[in-house]
Amino acid sequence: MTTTRRSEKRHWDDFWIGAGRVEEIYDNEQRVSRHLAGACRFAGRRILEVGAGTGRDGVLMARGGATVVSLDYSMPSLGMVASQLEAGDRVLLCGGDALALPFPDGVFDLVFHQGLLEHFRDPGPLLAENLRVLRPGGLLLVDVPQRWHYYTLVKHAMIAANRWFAGWETEFSRRELERLLRDRGFEIVSSYGEWLNPPIWFRMLRRALLPIGLRLPMYPAVFTSLRRVFRPVRDAILRSRWGMDTAVVIGTIARKPEKGTQG
C-alpha cells in the first residue's frame, strides 16, 4: 500500500459515512462555543464554520441568535449537520472549498474552525481566506491538536504506518499558533488549552476494540466523577501558559484589525 501524505476529500467522505449517528461521535464539550462566548455575543452575528464536521457548535450559536453558515466539501458531513436541525434554526449548509470561500469580502463577524488547520502543509491560503471574509474587527477562532502531548507521538506513528484515517497531519504549540496568526495579519485576543473527558487514550482504546465486538461505554462514570472532583485543579493548570503545553488541543481567538490599523 502506498503511504499517503495528504488529506483528501475521499478520506472525509469515508469517515463521515462510517461515523454513524451524531450521538455516536464524541462532542468537544462545547469548548469552541464556550470560549467564543467569552469574547463576543452570538445574537445577531453572521458566523461561518469552515470544515463543519458535525456542526454542533454552529447549531448552538444559531440557537443563541446567530445566523450560521456551515461549510464543508464533504456532503456526508453536511448531512450530519442537517440531522440536528430543528425548525427555526438559522443554519445554512454550504458545500464549498476552504481555500476558495464562495463569499464576498468582509461579510462575517466571526469565522471558526476546529480540526482543520493541521491538515494543510501550508496554512497560509486558508488563513488568508479567513481574513478576507471577516469584517474589520471580526474574530477568528482556530482550534488544533497541541504539539507537546503523547497523542502527537501516537498519531505520527500511525501516519508512518499508513494507518491514520486522514493522511498527513501536523500539530501546533500555543506559541506557534499565535505566531502563525500574527504573521497572517491577525491580532491575538486569547488562547486556551483543553484536556478531553474521557481522555484521549480511552477514546482510542474504545475505537480499537469496536472491530472485535467489544463496545465500551462512551462516557464511563469514573471519568465524569474524576472531572467533577478535580475541575478546580484542571482549570487552574489550563489557565497558565505552561499548562497549555499539557493540553491535547489548543485554540486561539484572533481579531482582524480595524480599518486603518493594518500594517
Protein backbone atom coordinates (compact mmCIF):
# COMPACT_ATOMS: atom_id res chain seq x y z
CA MET A 1 0.00 0.00 0.00
CA THR A 2 1.31 3.44 -0.85
CA THR A 3 1.71 5.70 2.17
CA THR A 4 -0.49 8.76 1.84
CA ARG A 5 0.77 12.14 2.95
CA ARG A 6 -2.18 14.36 2.11
CA SER A 7 -5.70 14.56 3.46
CA GLU A 8 -8.16 14.25 0.62
CA LYS A 9 -11.91 14.58 0.20
CA ARG A 10 -12.32 10.79 -0.05
CA HIS A 11 -10.86 10.39 3.46
CA TRP A 12 -13.51 12.66 4.92
CA ASP A 13 -16.36 11.21 2.89
CA ASP A 14 -15.40 7.74 4.13
CA PHE A 15 -15.01 8.98 7.69
CA TRP A 16 -18.42 10.64 7.89
CA ILE A 17 -20.20 7.85 6.06
CA GLY A 18 -18.83 5.37 8.59
CA ALA A 19 -19.31 7.58 11.64
CA GLY A 20 -22.88 6.57 12.37
CA ARG A 21 -25.34 8.88 14.07
CA VAL A 22 -24.17 12.16 15.58
CA GLU A 23 -24.89 10.79 19.06
CA GLU A 24 -22.23 8.12 18.46
CA ILE A 25 -19.50 10.72 17.87
CA TYR A 26 -17.69 12.37 20.77
CA ASP A 27 -18.53 16.03 21.09
CA ASN A 28 -15.97 18.67 22.04
CA GLU A 29 -17.71 19.55 25.32
CA GLN A 30 -18.79 22.79 23.62
CA ARG A 31 -15.29 24.18 24.04
CA VAL A 32 -15.47 26.33 20.89
CA SER A 33 -18.77 27.97 21.75
CA ARG A 34 -17.74 28.31 25.42
CA HIS A 35 -14.54 30.16 24.64
CA LEU A 36 -16.12 32.32 21.95
CA ALA A 37 -18.97 33.26 24.30
CA GLY A 38 -16.34 34.92 26.48
CA ALA A 39 -15.16 37.06 23.57
CA CYS A 40 -18.40 38.06 21.85
CA ARG A 41 -22.16 37.65 21.88
CA PHE A 42 -23.78 35.42 19.28
CA ALA A 43 -27.13 37.18 18.87
CA GLY A 44 -27.31 38.99 15.54
CA ARG A 45 -23.89 37.79 14.36
CA ARG A 46 -23.09 36.29 10.98
CA ILE A 47 -20.88 33.27 11.65
CA LEU A 48 -19.01 30.90 9.35
CA GLU A 49 -17.71 27.49 10.36
CA VAL A 50 -15.11 26.22 7.88
CA GLY A 51 -14.92 22.43 7.81
CA ALA A 52 -18.19 21.85 9.60
CA GLY A 53 -17.73 18.26 10.78
CA THR A 54 -20.76 17.52 12.95
CA GLY A 55 -21.57 21.23 13.17
CA ARG A 56 -22.58 21.03 16.83
CA ASP A 57 -21.05 24.36 17.83
CA GLY A 58 -22.64 26.17 14.91
CA VAL A 59 -26.05 24.80 15.88
CA LEU A 60 -25.53 26.06 19.45
CA MET A 61 -24.55 29.51 18.19
CA ALA A 62 -27.59 29.64 15.92
CA ARG A 63 -29.80 28.83 18.89
CA GLY A 64 -28.07 31.72 20.65
CA GLY A 65 -29.36 34.09 17.98
CA ALA A 66 -26.68 33.94 15.27
CA THR A 67 -27.03 33.19 11.58
CA VAL A 68 -24.53 30.41 10.88
CA VAL A 69 -23.11 29.08 7.63
CA SER A 70 -21.72 25.54 7.96
CA LEU A 71 -19.28 24.91 5.10
CA ASP A 72 -17.69 21.61 4.18
CA TYR A 73 -16.65 19.90 0.96
CA SER A 74 -17.88 16.56 2.29
CA MET A 75 -21.58 16.09 1.70
CA PRO A 76 -21.86 13.34 4.38
CA SER A 77 -20.55 15.91 6.89
CA LEU A 78 -23.24 18.40 5.90
CA GLY A 79 -25.78 15.60 6.23
CA MET A 80 -24.58 15.14 9.81
CA VAL A 81 -25.22 18.83 10.48
CA ALA A 82 -28.64 18.67 8.83
CA SER A 83 -29.67 15.75 11.05
CA GLN A 84 -29.53 18.02 14.12
CA LEU A 85 -31.51 20.97 12.80
CA GLU A 86 -34.90 21.93 14.12
CA ALA A 87 -37.50 24.33 12.80
CA GLY A 88 -36.25 27.88 13.23
CA ASP A 89 -32.52 27.04 13.39
CA ARG A 90 -30.72 29.64 11.28
CA VAL A 91 -28.03 27.31 9.95
CA LEU A 92 -27.27 27.41 6.23
CA LEU A 93 -25.46 24.42 4.72
CA CYS A 94 -22.86 25.17 2.08
CA GLY A 95 -20.75 22.78 0.02
CA GLY A 96 -17.50 24.57 -0.71
CA ASP A 97 -13.72 24.77 -0.67
CA ALA A 98 -11.97 26.26 2.37
CA LEU A 99 -9.28 27.66 0.05
CA ALA A 100 -11.78 29.45 -2.19
CA LEU A 101 -14.67 30.50 0.02
CA PRO A 102 -17.77 31.37 -2.05
CA PHE A 103 -18.45 34.63 -0.19
CA PRO A 104 -17.65 38.31 -0.73
CA ASP A 105 -15.07 40.16 1.33
CA GLY A 106 -15.93 41.21 4.86
CA VAL A 107 -19.34 39.54 5.27
CA PHE A 108 -18.83 37.59 8.53
CA ASP A 109 -18.50 38.77 12.13
CA LEU A 110 -16.93 35.50 13.21
CA VAL A 111 -15.15 32.62 11.48
CA PHE A 112 -14.08 29.46 13.26
CA HIS A 113 -12.70 26.01 12.54
CA GLN A 114 -11.56 23.06 14.61
CA GLY A 115 -9.57 20.04 13.50
CA LEU A 116 -8.90 21.68 10.13
CA LEU A 117 -5.72 23.76 10.03
CA GLU A 118 -3.48 20.81 10.92
CA HIS A 119 -4.33 19.08 7.62
CA PHE A 120 -2.71 21.79 5.46
CA ARG A 121 1.04 21.75 4.82
CA ASP A 122 0.79 25.46 4.00
CA PRO A 123 -1.86 27.04 6.24
CA GLY A 124 -1.34 30.48 4.71
CA PRO A 125 -4.00 30.31 1.96
CA LEU A 126 -6.61 29.01 4.41
CA LEU A 127 -5.94 31.82 6.88
CA ALA A 128 -5.88 34.37 4.07
CA GLU A 129 -9.40 33.32 3.09
CA ASN A 130 -10.49 33.53 6.73
CA LEU A 131 -9.13 37.06 6.90
CA ARG A 132 -10.74 38.07 3.62
CA VAL A 133 -14.30 37.13 4.54
CA LEU A 134 -14.13 38.68 8.01
CA ARG A 135 -15.28 42.25 8.55
CA PRO A 136 -12.70 44.59 10.14
CA GLY A 137 -12.75 43.85 13.86
CA GLY A 138 -14.22 40.38 13.25
CA LEU A 139 -12.96 37.34 15.17
CA LEU A 140 -11.33 34.09 14.09
CA LEU A 141 -11.05 31.01 16.30
CA VAL A 142 -8.60 28.26 15.31
CA ASP A 143 -8.67 25.01 17.32
CA VAL A 144 -5.92 22.42 16.67
CA PRO A 145 -4.06 19.47 18.24
CA GLN A 146 -1.39 20.57 20.73
CA ARG A 147 2.21 19.63 19.93
CA TRP A 148 3.59 18.56 23.33
CA HIS A 149 1.18 15.72 24.03
CA TYR A 150 1.61 11.94 23.81
CA TYR A 151 -1.23 11.92 21.27
CA THR A 152 1.22 13.52 18.82
CA LEU A 153 3.61 10.54 19.11
CA VAL A 154 0.81 8.03 18.61
CA LYS A 155 -0.58 9.95 15.66
CA HIS A 156 2.74 10.22 13.84
CA ALA A 157 3.46 6.53 14.39
CA MET A 158 0.12 5.72 12.76
CA ILE A 159 0.79 8.15 9.91
CA ALA A 160 4.17 6.50 9.29
CA ALA A 161 2.44 3.11 9.18
CA ASN A 162 -0.23 4.50 6.82
CA ARG A 163 -2.89 3.73 9.42
CA TRP A 164 -4.08 7.28 10.03
CA PHE A 165 -7.57 7.87 8.65
CA ALA A 166 -6.89 11.24 7.04
CA GLY A 167 -3.39 11.13 5.60
CA TRP A 168 -0.80 13.66 6.69
CA GLU A 169 -1.44 15.82 9.75
CA THR A 170 0.58 18.12 11.95
CA GLU A 171 0.07 19.96 15.26
CA PHE A 172 0.99 23.26 16.92
CA SER A 173 2.20 24.65 20.20
CA ARG A 174 0.39 27.66 21.60
CA ARG A 175 3.35 29.85 20.66
CA GLU A 176 3.46 28.51 17.10
CA LEU A 177 -0.26 29.05 16.59
CA GLU A 178 -0.20 32.60 17.91
CA ARG A 179 2.86 33.45 15.78
CA LEU A 180 1.25 31.99 12.68
CA LEU A 181 -1.87 34.11 13.15
CA ARG A 182 0.15 37.27 13.80
CA ASP A 183 2.21 36.64 10.68
CA ARG A 184 -1.03 36.38 8.67
CA GLY A 185 -2.28 39.76 9.82
CA PHE A 186 -4.36 38.93 12.90
CA GLU A 187 -4.21 40.41 16.38
CA ILE A 188 -4.21 37.84 19.20
CA VAL A 189 -7.12 38.09 21.65
CA SER A 190 -6.61 34.99 23.80
CA SER A 191 -5.59 31.33 23.76
CA TYR A 192 -6.83 28.28 25.64
CA GLY A 193 -5.94 24.66 26.19
CA GLU A 194 -8.30 21.75 26.88
CA TRP A 195 -7.99 18.18 28.06
CA LEU A 196 -10.62 15.68 26.96
CA ASN A 197 -13.09 13.79 29.09
CA PRO A 198 -12.92 10.82 28.70
CA PRO A 199 -9.18 11.15 27.97
CA ILE A 200 -7.79 10.53 24.51
CA TRP A 201 -6.22 7.18 25.46
CA PHE A 202 -9.64 5.82 26.44
CA ARG A 203 -11.25 7.08 23.23
CA MET A 204 -8.53 5.43 21.16
CA LEU A 205 -8.88 2.16 23.11
CA ARG A 206 -12.65 2.21 22.67
CA ARG A 207 -12.30 2.72 18.93
CA ALA A 208 -9.69 -0.05 18.63
CA LEU A 209 -11.98 -2.56 20.36
CA LEU A 210 -15.06 -1.92 18.23
CA PRO A 211 -13.95 -4.09 15.26
CA ILE A 212 -13.69 -7.14 17.55
CA GLY A 213 -17.14 -6.56 19.00
CA LEU A 214 -16.17 -5.03 22.35
CA ARG A 215 -18.13 -1.83 22.96
CA LEU A 216 -17.04 0.21 25.96
CA PRO A 217 -19.38 2.97 27.19
CA MET A 218 -18.67 6.37 25.65
CA TYR A 219 -18.73 8.19 28.99
CA PRO A 220 -17.79 5.91 31.91
CA ALA A 221 -18.98 7.25 35.24
CA VAL A 222 -15.46 7.17 36.70
CA PHE A 223 -14.24 9.87 34.31
CA THR A 224 -17.27 12.04 35.00
CA SER A 225 -16.67 11.76 38.74
CA LEU A 226 -12.95 12.48 38.47
CA ARG A 227 -13.60 15.55 36.34
CA ARG A 228 -16.05 16.92 38.89
CA VAL A 229 -13.61 16.40 41.76
CA PHE A 230 -10.53 17.77 40.01
CA ARG A 231 -12.19 20.54 37.97
CA PRO A 232 -10.70 23.43 40.04
CA VAL A 233 -7.19 21.99 39.71
CA ARG A 234 -7.66 21.34 36.00
CA ASP A 235 -8.93 24.85 35.37
CA ALA A 236 -6.04 26.41 37.28
CA ILE A 237 -3.48 24.40 35.30
CA LEU A 238 -5.02 25.14 31.92
CA ARG A 239 -5.24 28.87 32.63
CA SER A 240 -1.45 29.01 32.89
CA ARG A 241 0.82 29.33 29.87
CA TRP A 242 2.82 26.23 30.82
CA GLY A 243 -0.39 24.33 31.48
CA MET A 244 -1.44 24.74 27.86
CA ASP A 245 1.55 22.56 26.96
CA THR A 246 -0.19 19.67 28.75
CA ALA A 247 -3.42 20.06 26.75
CA VAL A 248 -4.43 17.71 23.96
CA VAL A 249 -5.99 20.58 21.99
CA ILE A 250 -5.40 24.32 21.96
CA GLY A 251 -7.23 27.20 20.42
CA THR A 252 -6.51 30.83 19.70
CA ILE A 253 -9.01 33.63 19.21
CA ALA A 254 -7.68 36.40 16.98
CA ARG A 255 -9.07 39.62 15.53
CA LYS A 256 -8.93 41.12 12.06
CA PRO A 257 -7.56 44.65 12.57
CA GLU A 258 -9.92 47.56 12.16
CA LYS A 259 -9.57 49.63 9.01
CA GLY A 260 -6.58 51.91 9.19
CA THR A 261 -4.69 49.71 11.69
CA GLN A 262 -3.43 47.02 9.33
CA GLY A 263 0.29 47.18 8.61
